[in-house]
């Protein structure tokens, strides 16, 4: 009788988590982690072992290739189930596992992780003023207006700064103009994100790249490097390094027996609605399964979830031209896509949904 009662309670709690789109706790005890070395052997599983529909795989791969995909990886429980590379029309050669590619805005999630690490190390708090680290007059706002912008506003896109300026990527004070009070408007604005690099350097008293390498990259065996392209600070790496980061997020900040990010309160906030204007946005992460979302560059509210074809608990790093990290805790899946532009959108939300439509035919979930 006791076992039946406990089973009923567990079922109720599980349903409640799914209903609220909270990330359901997953055990990492059965996860596979490759050694923290970029050149380490990575174990594989097969679609047949997982009872996936292999007859649908060619349809998926054709869709990916026709939409300018260069690399595609699927992990299940940490093992590689699919890893495919396609012809690179720009280079005239086939993309390979050793090629570096840009993350674009998918790299915002790396910075989000570092903010959590700096919080864990008590280098900053989310409620602190940006000016505590960037100094006064880092923007063209008045001192009173500037003092209202916090670290949290930068990572949930609610600074209130004007995103209709001529150069949305510019981080000099004259490009940061007042539009409205913080927390009253959500806008996908690159510059307030990019300046987090300087904020982290001041908070940690370390060079941004050095802090990133020591706290994250080297810990889990990623390769790659940050590079400025015009005003943007962009991460480049191999596809497997992107998959390593996705696996770290799936494992809630742990890598084998090592805890990379121990600040679980931040981790939960990072992957849940960070404000109620755009519930499909966390701390620089996109969230599925919410009642509405706002797209980059628009102030329109769309009354549906981000990706109806994807699992409701999916969280994603979405970057220009379709750089994607998809993490699905309920299925212990990580899906990676790198490539050229599949459409003309700022962030490829429609392509992402179409990709999941094809992938679901394979996974049969």
Protein backbone atom coordinates (compact mmCIF):
# COMPACT_ATOMS: atom_id res chain seq x y z
CA UNK A 1 0.00 0.00 0.00
CA UNK A 2 2.87 2.33 0.87
CA UNK A 3 4.52 1.69 -2.51
CA UNK A 4 1.28 2.49 -4.32
CA UNK A 5 0.90 5.73 -2.37
CA UNK A 6 4.47 6.83 -3.16
CA UNK A 7 3.96 5.98 -6.81
CA UNK A 8 0.83 8.13 -6.97
CA UNK A 9 2.63 11.05 -5.28
CA UNK A 10 5.54 10.79 -7.73
CA UNK A 11 3.17 10.75 -10.71
CA UNK A 12 1.38 13.87 -9.46
CA UNK A 13 4.66 15.72 -8.96
CA UNK A 14 5.91 14.66 -12.38
CA UNK A 15 2.73 15.91 -14.05
CA UNK A 16 2.95 19.21 -12.18
CA UNK A 17 6.52 19.79 -13.38
CA UNK A 18 5.59 19.02 -16.97
CA UNK A 19 2.55 21.27 -16.80
CA UNK A 20 4.60 24.21 -15.56
CA UNK A 21 7.38 23.44 -18.03
CA UNK A 22 9.92 23.12 -15.26
CA UNK A 23 13.00 21.09 -16.02
CA UNK A 24 12.32 17.63 -14.65
CA UNK A 25 15.22 16.32 -12.56
CA UNK A 26 17.23 13.80 -14.55
CA UNK A 27 19.76 11.41 -13.09
CA UNK A 28 23.26 11.89 -14.47
CA UNK A 29 24.40 8.54 -13.05
CA UNK A 30 23.69 6.84 -16.39
CA UNK A 31 25.10 9.66 -18.52
CA UNK A 32 28.20 9.15 -20.56
CA UNK A 33 30.78 11.93 -20.52
CA UNK A 34 33.76 11.96 -22.90
CA UNK A 35 37.07 12.73 -21.25
CA UNK A 36 37.69 16.48 -20.80
CA UNK A 37 39.98 16.61 -23.81
CA UNK A 38 38.91 17.91 -27.24
CA UNK A 39 40.57 14.91 -28.92
CA UNK A 40 39.11 12.27 -26.61
CA UNK A 41 37.22 9.28 -27.95
CA UNK A 42 33.46 9.80 -27.74
CA UNK A 43 31.34 6.68 -27.41
CA UNK A 44 28.44 6.08 -29.75
CA UNK A 45 24.99 4.62 -29.59
CA UNK A 46 22.89 3.74 -32.63
CA UNK A 47 19.37 4.65 -33.74
CA UNK A 48 18.62 0.94 -33.97
CA UNK A 49 19.58 0.38 -30.31
CA UNK A 50 17.17 3.15 -29.35
CA UNK A 51 14.39 1.77 -31.57
CA UNK A 52 14.31 4.96 -33.63
CA UNK A 53 12.76 4.90 -37.08
CA UNK A 54 15.82 4.63 -39.31
CA UNK A 55 13.67 4.81 -42.43
CA UNK A 56 13.06 8.50 -41.67
CA UNK A 57 16.70 9.48 -41.22
CA UNK A 58 17.33 10.23 -44.90
CA UNK A 59 14.37 12.63 -44.94
CA UNK A 60 15.89 14.49 -41.99
CA UNK A 61 19.37 14.60 -43.53
CA UNK A 62 18.01 15.79 -46.87
CA UNK A 63 16.10 18.58 -45.13
CA UNK A 64 19.24 19.61 -43.24
CA UNK A 65 21.44 19.64 -46.34
CA UNK A 66 18.89 21.54 -48.40
CA UNK A 67 18.82 24.18 -45.67
CA UNK A 68 22.58 24.85 -45.67
CA UNK A 69 23.47 22.71 -42.64
CA UNK A 70 27.16 21.97 -42.17
CA UNK A 71 27.15 19.89 -38.97
CA UNK A 72 24.44 17.99 -37.12
CA UNK A 73 24.87 16.01 -33.89
CA UNK A 74 22.38 14.21 -31.67
CA UNK A 75 23.35 12.95 -28.19
CA UNK A 76 21.28 10.55 -26.12
CA UNK A 77 22.38 10.10 -22.50
CA UNK A 78 25.65 11.73 -23.56
CA UNK A 79 26.50 9.27 -26.35
CA UNK A 80 26.57 10.26 -30.01
CA UNK A 81 23.66 8.74 -31.93
CA UNK A 82 23.90 10.85 -35.08
CA UNK A 83 26.85 12.87 -36.37
CA UNK A 84 26.63 14.17 -39.90
CA UNK A 85 28.65 16.65 -41.92
CA UNK A 86 27.64 18.21 -45.22
CA UNK A 87 29.23 19.96 -48.18
CA UNK A 88 30.29 23.52 -47.48
CA UNK A 89 29.35 25.61 -50.49
CA UNK A 90 31.43 28.54 -49.28
CA UNK A 91 34.65 26.55 -49.09
CA UNK A 92 33.86 24.06 -51.84
CA UNK A 93 34.74 21.19 -49.52
CA UNK A 94 32.92 18.96 -47.08
CA UNK A 95 32.65 20.29 -43.54
CA UNK A 96 34.37 18.00 -41.03
CA UNK A 97 34.48 17.39 -37.29
CA UNK A 98 37.73 19.38 -37.08
CA UNK A 99 36.36 22.56 -38.70
CA UNK A 100 35.66 25.58 -36.52
CA UNK A 101 32.40 27.47 -36.99
CA UNK A 102 30.89 30.51 -35.35
CA UNK A 103 28.22 30.20 -32.64
CA UNK A 104 26.72 33.66 -33.33
CA UNK A 105 24.10 34.43 -30.67
CA UNK A 106 24.09 30.83 -29.46
CA UNK A 107 27.27 31.96 -27.69
CA UNK A 108 25.20 34.20 -25.45
CA UNK A 109 24.52 31.10 -23.38
CA UNK A 110 28.23 30.74 -22.64
CA UNK A 111 28.23 34.23 -21.15
CA UNK A 112 25.11 33.40 -19.17
CA UNK A 113 26.93 30.41 -17.69
CA UNK A 114 29.88 32.64 -16.74
CA UNK A 115 27.58 35.11 -15.00
CA UNK A 116 26.35 32.18 -12.91
CA UNK A 117 29.91 31.18 -12.12
CA UNK A 118 30.84 34.71 -11.07
CA UNK A 119 27.72 34.77 -8.88
CA UNK A 120 28.77 31.47 -7.32
CA UNK A 121 32.21 32.93 -6.60
CA UNK A 122 30.55 35.98 -5.02
CA UNK A 123 32.08 38.32 -7.58
CA UNK A 124 28.71 39.92 -8.32
CA UNK A 125 24.98 39.75 -7.67
CA UNK A 126 22.22 40.01 -10.25
CA UNK A 127 20.68 42.97 -8.46
CA UNK A 128 23.86 45.05 -8.62
CA UNK A 129 23.95 48.11 -10.83
CA UNK A 130 25.83 47.71 -14.10
CA UNK A 131 27.67 50.91 -13.25
CA UNK A 132 29.25 49.17 -10.24
CA UNK A 133 31.43 47.37 -12.79
CA UNK A 134 31.24 49.45 -15.97
CA UNK A 135 31.71 52.77 -14.22
CA UNK A 136 29.52 55.83 -14.41
CA UNK A 137 28.67 57.15 -17.86
CA UNK A 138 29.07 53.78 -19.59
CA UNK A 139 25.94 54.92 -21.42
CA UNK A 140 24.48 58.26 -22.51
CA UNK A 141 21.79 58.01 -19.82
CA UNK A 142 21.56 60.31 -16.84
CA UNK A 143 23.16 59.07 -13.64
CA UNK A 144 19.72 58.39 -12.18
CA UNK A 145 18.58 56.41 -15.24
CA UNK A 146 21.82 54.47 -15.44
CA UNK A 147 21.65 53.49 -11.77
CA UNK A 148 18.41 51.59 -12.37
CA UNK A 149 19.96 49.10 -14.81
CA UNK A 150 21.17 45.93 -13.12
CA UNK A 151 23.19 42.90 -14.16
CA UNK A 152 19.94 40.94 -14.43
CA UNK A 153 18.55 43.43 -16.95
CA UNK A 154 21.47 42.63 -19.26
CA UNK A 155 20.90 38.87 -19.19
CA UNK A 156 17.12 38.97 -19.61
CA UNK A 157 17.03 41.76 -22.25
CA UNK A 158 15.07 44.30 -20.18
CA UNK A 159 17.56 47.19 -19.89
CA UNK A 160 15.11 49.64 -21.47
CA UNK A 161 17.88 50.88 -23.76
CA UNK A 162 16.89 51.92 -27.27
CA UNK A 163 17.39 49.07 -29.74
CA UNK A 164 16.39 51.28 -32.67
CA UNK A 165 19.79 52.98 -32.83
CA UNK A 166 21.73 52.94 -36.10
CA UNK A 167 24.17 50.27 -34.87
CA UNK A 168 22.57 47.81 -32.45
CA UNK A 169 25.94 46.15 -31.82
CA UNK A 170 27.81 49.31 -30.82
CA UNK A 171 28.93 49.40 -27.16
CA UNK A 172 30.25 52.95 -26.88
CA UNK A 173 28.31 55.29 -24.55
CA UNK A 174 26.72 57.29 -27.37
CA UNK A 175 25.08 54.09 -28.68
CA UNK A 176 23.37 53.31 -25.38
CA UNK A 177 20.35 55.60 -25.36
CA UNK A 178 17.39 55.75 -23.00
CA UNK A 179 14.04 54.52 -24.26
CA UNK A 180 12.11 53.37 -21.21
CA UNK A 181 12.59 52.24 -17.62
CA UNK A 182 14.24 48.85 -17.02
CA UNK A 183 11.92 45.84 -16.61
CA UNK A 184 9.11 47.46 -18.62
CA UNK A 185 10.11 46.33 -22.13
CA UNK A 186 11.78 43.22 -23.59
CA UNK A 187 13.96 43.73 -26.65
CA UNK A 188 16.56 41.49 -28.26
CA UNK A 189 19.48 43.89 -28.20
CA UNK A 190 23.04 42.70 -28.78
CA UNK A 191 25.04 45.59 -27.33
CA UNK A 192 23.82 45.36 -23.70
CA UNK A 193 24.73 41.67 -23.89
CA UNK A 194 28.16 42.23 -25.45
CA UNK A 195 29.22 44.70 -22.79
CA UNK A 196 28.83 41.90 -20.23
CA UNK A 197 32.36 40.88 -21.27
CA UNK A 198 33.73 44.08 -19.76
CA UNK A 199 31.44 43.72 -16.76
CA UNK A 200 32.76 40.22 -16.07
CA UNK A 201 36.35 41.35 -16.47
CA UNK A 202 35.85 44.05 -13.87
CA UNK A 203 33.92 41.77 -11.50
CA UNK A 204 36.44 38.91 -11.66
CA UNK A 205 39.58 41.01 -12.16
CA UNK A 206 40.48 38.67 -15.04
CA UNK A 207 40.65 38.82 -18.79
CA UNK A 208 37.35 37.54 -20.20
CA UNK A 209 38.96 34.80 -22.31
CA UNK A 210 41.09 33.59 -19.40
CA UNK A 211 38.07 33.43 -17.10
CA UNK A 212 36.05 31.57 -19.73
CA UNK A 213 38.84 29.07 -20.42
CA UNK A 214 39.58 28.30 -16.78
CA UNK A 215 35.99 28.16 -15.51
CA UNK A 216 34.31 26.44 -18.44
CA UNK A 217 36.13 25.55 -21.66
CA UNK A 218 39.07 23.61 -20.25
CA UNK A 219 36.99 21.98 -17.52
CA UNK A 220 34.88 20.01 -20.01
CA UNK A 221 37.38 19.63 -22.84
CA UNK A 222 35.96 22.15 -25.28
CA UNK A 223 38.12 23.68 -27.97
CA UNK A 224 37.50 27.06 -29.57
CA UNK A 225 38.21 30.75 -29.16
CA UNK A 226 36.52 34.15 -28.90
CA UNK A 227 37.06 36.63 -31.70
CA UNK A 228 35.78 40.14 -32.33
CA UNK A 229 33.93 40.51 -35.63
CA UNK A 230 33.17 44.20 -35.90
CA UNK A 231 31.48 45.08 -32.59
CA UNK A 232 30.46 41.54 -31.72
CA UNK A 233 32.45 39.10 -29.59
CA UNK A 234 31.83 35.74 -31.25
CA UNK A 235 32.78 32.22 -30.18
CA UNK A 236 34.16 29.74 -32.71
CA UNK A 237 34.59 26.01 -32.10
CA UNK A 238 34.15 22.56 -33.56
CA UNK A 239 30.66 21.03 -33.49
CA UNK A 240 31.61 18.52 -30.80
CA UNK A 241 32.61 21.34 -28.48
CA UNK A 242 29.15 22.79 -28.90
CA UNK A 243 27.79 19.34 -28.02
CA UNK A 244 29.97 19.22 -24.91
CA UNK A 245 28.43 22.45 -23.66
CA UNK A 246 24.94 21.13 -24.39
CA UNK A 247 25.72 17.99 -22.38
CA UNK A 248 26.97 20.12 -19.48
CA UNK A 249 23.64 21.98 -19.45
CA UNK A 250 21.72 18.70 -19.64
CA UNK A 251 23.72 17.47 -16.63
CA UNK A 252 22.86 20.63 -14.65
CA UNK A 253 26.39 21.99 -14.57
CA UNK A 254 28.16 18.73 -13.77
CA UNK A 255 30.79 16.86 -15.77
CA UNK A 256 31.25 13.29 -14.62
CA UNK A 257 32.03 13.72 -10.91
CA UNK A 258 33.11 17.35 -11.14
CA UNK A 259 30.71 20.19 -10.44
CA UNK A 260 31.39 22.99 -12.92
CA UNK A 261 28.52 25.24 -11.77
CA UNK A 262 27.26 24.60 -8.26
CA UNK A 263 24.90 27.58 -8.09
CA UNK A 264 21.68 25.63 -8.69
CA UNK A 265 19.35 28.52 -7.91
CA UNK A 266 20.93 30.46 -10.74
CA UNK A 267 20.83 27.41 -12.99
CA UNK A 268 17.07 27.06 -12.46
CA UNK A 269 16.47 30.78 -13.05
CA UNK A 270 18.66 30.72 -16.15
CA UNK A 271 16.43 28.10 -17.79
CA UNK A 272 13.06 29.48 -16.73
CA UNK A 273 11.12 32.62 -17.63
CA UNK A 274 13.26 35.54 -16.50
CA UNK A 275 10.47 38.14 -16.82
CA UNK A 276 6.80 38.07 -17.80
CA UNK A 277 7.01 40.19 -20.97
CA UNK A 278 8.56 37.40 -23.05
CA UNK A 279 8.09 34.20 -21.01
CA UNK A 280 10.03 32.23 -23.63
CA UNK A 281 13.31 33.87 -22.62
CA UNK A 282 15.47 32.97 -19.64
CA UNK A 283 18.92 34.31 -18.96
CA UNK A 284 20.09 34.49 -22.61
CA UNK A 285 18.45 31.07 -23.23
CA UNK A 286 15.29 30.44 -25.25
CA UNK A 287 12.54 28.35 -23.64
CA UNK A 288 9.88 26.22 -25.26
CA UNK A 289 6.45 25.28 -23.95
CA UNK A 290 5.40 28.75 -22.85
CA UNK A 291 2.11 30.45 -23.73
CA UNK A 292 3.74 33.14 -25.90
CA UNK A 293 7.02 34.39 -27.27
CA UNK A 294 8.55 37.48 -28.83
CA UNK A 295 10.91 37.27 -31.78
CA UNK A 296 14.16 39.25 -32.16
CA UNK A 297 13.71 42.63 -33.82
CA UNK A 298 9.97 42.74 -33.18
CA UNK A 299 7.70 43.96 -30.41
CA UNK A 300 4.96 41.55 -31.46
CA UNK A 301 3.77 38.92 -28.99
CA UNK A 302 3.02 35.58 -30.66
CA UNK A 303 0.41 33.59 -28.77
CA UNK A 304 2.04 30.18 -29.04
CA UNK A 305 5.10 28.37 -27.84
CA UNK A 306 8.47 29.00 -29.43
CA UNK A 307 8.56 25.65 -31.25
CA UNK A 308 5.27 23.67 -31.28
CA UNK A 309 6.98 20.62 -32.83
CA UNK A 310 9.71 20.45 -30.19
CA UNK A 311 9.36 18.95 -26.70
CA UNK A 312 7.76 21.37 -24.26
CA UNK A 313 10.72 21.28 -21.86
CA UNK A 314 13.28 22.10 -24.55
CA UNK A 315 15.70 24.94 -23.84
CA UNK A 316 17.77 26.29 -26.69
CA UNK A 317 20.67 28.46 -27.68
CA UNK A 318 19.65 30.09 -30.95
CA UNK A 319 22.07 31.98 -33.16
CA UNK A 320 22.07 33.79 -36.47
CA UNK A 321 22.08 31.55 -39.55
CA UNK A 322 20.89 28.57 -37.54
CA UNK A 323 23.54 27.90 -34.93
CA UNK A 324 21.57 25.72 -32.50
CA UNK A 325 22.00 23.94 -29.18
CA UNK A 326 18.84 22.13 -28.12
CA UNK A 327 18.64 20.51 -24.69
CA UNK A 328 15.70 18.25 -23.80
CA UNK A 329 15.87 17.03 -20.18
CA UNK A 330 12.78 14.79 -20.40
CA UNK A 331 14.45 12.75 -23.16
CA UNK A 332 18.11 13.25 -22.17
CA UNK A 333 18.76 14.65 -25.63
CA UNK A 334 21.17 17.25 -26.96
CA UNK A 335 20.82 18.36 -30.59
CA UNK A 336 23.43 20.51 -32.37
CA UNK A 337 23.16 22.25 -35.72
CA UNK A 338 25.81 24.47 -37.30
CA UNK A 339 25.66 25.96 -40.77
CA UNK A 340 24.79 28.75 -43.13
CA UNK A 341 21.57 30.72 -43.32
CA UNK A 342 18.45 28.51 -43.68
CA UNK A 343 16.19 31.56 -44.00
CA UNK A 344 16.33 35.33 -43.69
CA UNK A 345 15.29 35.70 -40.05
CA UNK A 346 17.46 37.27 -37.35
CA UNK A 347 17.13 34.07 -35.33
CA UNK A 348 15.86 30.99 -37.26
CA UNK A 349 12.80 30.16 -35.16
CA UNK A 350 10.82 28.69 -38.08
CA UNK A 351 13.73 26.54 -39.25
CA UNK A 352 14.21 25.28 -35.70
CA UNK A 353 10.58 24.16 -35.55
CA UNK A 354 10.75 22.48 -38.98
CA UNK A 355 13.90 20.65 -37.95
CA UNK A 356 12.13 19.24 -34.93
CA UNK A 357 9.21 18.14 -37.07
CA UNK A 358 11.62 16.01 -39.12
CA UNK A 359 13.57 14.83 -36.07
CA UNK A 360 10.41 13.70 -34.29
CA UNK A 361 9.70 11.33 -37.17
CA UNK A 362 13.02 9.65 -36.40
CA UNK A 363 12.82 9.66 -32.62
CA UNK A 364 9.13 8.74 -32.61
CA UNK A 365 8.32 10.70 -29.45
